[in-house]
């Protein structure tokens, strides 16, 4: 493998990671929301992290769709 091929592969991997990250984040958030709904005493999430805001948004969207 040449240096140029390795650079292209690195860019492709970074591009793939940047495309997958939002999808994975959404999947994890939805799974956590479902888990938290089923097991209300499972854990407490501080309101400061971005994950908390994302989970609130998912919950709000679900309520609007129903």
N, C-alpha and C. Protein backbone atom coordinates (compact mmCIF):
# COMPACT_ATOMS: atom_id res chain seq x y z
N UNK A 1 0.85 -1.17 0.00
CA UNK A 1 0.00 0.00 0.00
C UNK A 1 0.90 1.24 0.00
N UNK A 2 0.55 2.17 -0.85
CA UNK A 2 1.33 3.40 -0.93
C UNK A 2 0.84 4.38 0.13
N UNK A 3 1.62 5.42 0.33
CA UNK A 3 1.25 6.46 1.30
C UNK A 3 -0.05 7.12 0.86
N UNK A 4 -0.17 7.38 -0.42
CA UNK A 4 -1.37 8.03 -0.94
C UNK A 4 -2.61 7.14 -0.72
N UNK A 5 -2.48 5.84 -0.94
CA UNK A 5 -3.59 4.93 -0.70
C UNK A 5 -3.97 4.89 0.78
N UNK A 6 -2.98 4.93 1.64
CA UNK A 6 -3.24 4.94 3.08
C UNK A 6 -3.95 6.23 3.48
N UNK A 7 -3.57 7.35 2.88
CA UNK A 7 -4.22 8.63 3.18
C UNK A 7 -5.67 8.62 2.73
N UNK A 8 -5.92 8.07 1.54
CA UNK A 8 -7.29 7.98 1.03
C UNK A 8 -8.12 7.10 1.94
N UNK A 9 -7.54 5.97 2.38
CA UNK A 9 -8.25 5.07 3.27
C UNK A 9 -8.56 5.77 4.60
N UNK A 10 -7.61 6.52 5.12
CA UNK A 10 -7.83 7.24 6.38
C UNK A 10 -8.94 8.25 6.23
N UNK A 11 -8.97 8.95 5.12
CA UNK A 11 -10.03 9.93 4.87
C UNK A 11 -11.38 9.21 4.76
N UNK A 12 -11.40 8.08 4.05
CA UNK A 12 -12.64 7.33 3.91
C UNK A 12 -13.14 6.83 5.26
N UNK A 13 -12.23 6.38 6.11
CA UNK A 13 -12.62 5.91 7.44
C UNK A 13 -13.17 7.07 8.26
N UNK A 14 -12.53 8.22 8.18
CA UNK A 14 -13.02 9.39 8.91
C UNK A 14 -14.39 9.82 8.40
N UNK A 15 -14.57 9.77 7.08
CA UNK A 15 -15.86 10.12 6.49
C UNK A 15 -16.93 9.13 6.94
N UNK A 16 -16.60 7.85 6.93
CA UNK A 16 -17.53 6.83 7.39
C UNK A 16 -17.91 7.04 8.86
N UNK A 17 -16.91 7.32 9.67
CA UNK A 17 -17.16 7.55 11.10
C UNK A 17 -18.07 8.76 11.30
N UNK A 18 -17.83 9.82 10.55
CA UNK A 18 -18.66 11.01 10.70
C UNK A 18 -20.08 10.77 10.23
N UNK A 19 -20.27 9.88 9.27
CA UNK A 19 -21.61 9.55 8.81
C UNK A 19 -22.32 8.59 9.76
N UNK A 20 -21.59 7.69 10.35
CA UNK A 20 -22.19 6.71 11.25
C UNK A 20 -22.51 7.28 12.63
N UNK A 21 -21.73 8.24 13.07
CA UNK A 21 -21.89 8.76 14.43
C UNK A 21 -23.32 9.24 14.73
N UNK A 22 -23.93 10.07 13.89
CA UNK A 22 -25.30 10.51 14.22
C UNK A 22 -26.30 9.36 14.24
N UNK A 23 -26.14 8.40 13.34
CA UNK A 23 -27.05 7.26 13.33
C UNK A 23 -26.89 6.41 14.58
N UNK A 24 -25.65 6.15 14.96
CA UNK A 24 -25.40 5.36 16.17
C UNK A 24 -25.89 6.09 17.41
N UNK A 25 -25.65 7.38 17.45
CA UNK A 25 -26.11 8.18 18.60
C UNK A 25 -27.63 8.09 18.73
N UNK A 26 -28.33 8.20 17.61
CA UNK A 26 -29.79 8.14 17.62
C UNK A 26 -30.27 6.76 18.09
N UNK A 27 -29.66 5.71 17.58
CA UNK A 27 -30.04 4.35 17.97
C UNK A 27 -29.83 4.13 19.46
N UNK A 28 -28.68 4.54 19.95
CA UNK A 28 -28.38 4.36 21.37
C UNK A 28 -29.35 5.16 22.23
N UNK A 29 -29.64 6.38 21.82
CA UNK A 29 -30.56 7.21 22.59
C UNK A 29 -31.95 6.59 22.64
N UNK A 30 -32.43 6.07 21.50
CA UNK A 30 -33.75 5.45 21.47
C UNK A 30 -33.79 4.20 22.33
N UNK A 31 -32.72 3.41 22.28
CA UNK A 31 -32.66 2.21 23.11
C UNK A 31 -32.64 2.58 24.59
N UNK A 32 -31.88 3.60 24.94
CA UNK A 32 -31.83 4.03 26.34
C UNK A 32 -33.19 4.56 26.80
N UNK A 33 -33.87 5.27 25.92
CA UNK A 33 -35.18 5.79 26.27
C UNK A 33 -36.16 4.65 26.53
N UNK A 34 -36.14 3.65 25.67
CA UNK A 34 -37.01 2.49 25.87
C UNK A 34 -36.67 1.75 27.16
N UNK A 35 -35.38 1.59 27.41
CA UNK A 35 -34.94 0.91 28.62
C UNK A 35 -35.36 1.69 29.86
N UNK A 36 -35.21 2.99 29.81
CA UNK A 36 -35.59 3.83 30.95
C UNK A 36 -37.10 3.81 31.17
N UNK A 37 -37.86 3.75 30.09
CA UNK A 37 -39.32 3.70 30.22
C UNK A 37 -39.78 2.39 30.86
N UNK A 38 -39.10 1.30 30.53
CA UNK A 38 -39.46 0.00 31.08
C UNK A 38 -38.99 -0.15 32.53
N UNK A 39 -37.84 0.41 32.84
CA UNK A 39 -37.23 0.27 34.16
C UNK A 39 -37.02 1.67 34.75
N UNK A 40 -38.06 2.22 35.32
CA UNK A 40 -38.01 3.61 35.77
C UNK A 40 -36.99 3.86 36.88
N UNK A 41 -36.59 2.85 37.60
CA UNK A 41 -35.63 3.04 38.69
C UNK A 41 -34.22 2.61 38.28
N UNK A 42 -33.97 2.51 37.00
CA UNK A 42 -32.69 1.98 36.52
C UNK A 42 -31.53 2.95 36.73
N UNK A 43 -31.68 4.19 36.32
CA UNK A 43 -30.58 5.15 36.46
C UNK A 43 -31.11 6.58 36.41
N UNK A 44 -30.27 7.48 36.82
CA UNK A 44 -30.60 8.91 36.77
C UNK A 44 -29.56 9.60 35.91
N UNK A 45 -30.01 10.39 34.96
CA UNK A 45 -29.12 11.11 34.06
C UNK A 45 -29.19 12.60 34.39
N UNK A 46 -28.05 13.19 34.69
CA UNK A 46 -28.00 14.62 34.98
C UNK A 46 -28.49 15.41 33.77
N UNK A 47 -29.18 16.53 33.97
CA UNK A 47 -29.71 17.29 32.84
C UNK A 47 -28.67 18.04 32.01
N UNK A 48 -27.43 18.09 32.43
CA UNK A 48 -26.42 18.87 31.73
C UNK A 48 -25.87 18.23 30.45
N UNK A 49 -25.67 16.92 30.37
CA UNK A 49 -25.03 16.35 29.17
C UNK A 49 -25.92 16.44 27.93
N UNK A 50 -25.31 16.48 26.76
CA UNK A 50 -26.07 16.53 25.51
C UNK A 50 -27.00 15.32 25.34
N UNK A 51 -26.61 14.19 25.89
CA UNK A 51 -27.45 13.00 25.79
C UNK A 51 -28.82 13.23 26.42
N UNK A 52 -28.85 13.96 27.53
CA UNK A 52 -30.11 14.26 28.20
C UNK A 52 -31.01 15.08 27.28
N UNK A 53 -30.44 16.09 26.64
CA UNK A 53 -31.21 16.93 25.72
C UNK A 53 -31.72 16.11 24.54
N UNK A 54 -30.88 15.22 24.02
CA UNK A 54 -31.28 14.38 22.90
C UNK A 54 -32.42 13.45 23.30
N UNK A 55 -32.33 12.90 24.49
CA UNK A 55 -33.38 12.00 24.95
C UNK A 55 -34.70 12.76 25.16
N UNK A 56 -34.62 13.98 25.66
CA UNK A 56 -35.82 14.80 25.81
C UNK A 56 -36.44 15.09 24.45
N UNK A 57 -35.61 15.37 23.46
CA UNK A 57 -36.10 15.65 22.12
C UNK A 57 -36.79 14.43 21.52
N UNK A 58 -36.20 13.26 21.70
CA UNK A 58 -36.81 12.02 21.20
C UNK A 58 -38.16 11.80 21.88
N UNK A 59 -38.20 12.02 23.17
CA UNK A 59 -39.44 11.84 23.91
C UNK A 59 -40.51 12.84 23.42
N UNK A 60 -40.11 14.06 23.22
CA UNK A 60 -41.04 15.10 22.74
C UNK A 60 -41.59 14.72 21.36
N UNK A 61 -40.73 14.25 20.47
CA UNK A 61 -41.17 13.85 19.12
C UNK A 61 -42.15 12.69 19.18
N UNK A 62 -41.88 11.73 20.06
CA UNK A 62 -42.78 10.60 20.19
C UNK A 62 -44.16 11.06 20.65
N UNK A 63 -44.20 11.96 21.62
CA UNK A 63 -45.47 12.47 22.11
C UNK A 63 -46.23 13.23 21.02
N UNK A 64 -45.50 13.97 20.19
CA UNK A 64 -46.14 14.73 19.12
C UNK A 64 -46.71 13.80 18.05
N UNK A 65 -46.07 12.67 17.81
CA UNK A 65 -46.52 11.72 16.80
C UNK A 65 -47.74 10.94 17.23
N UNK A 66 -47.96 10.82 18.53
CA UNK A 66 -49.09 10.01 19.03
C UNK A 66 -50.38 10.77 19.03
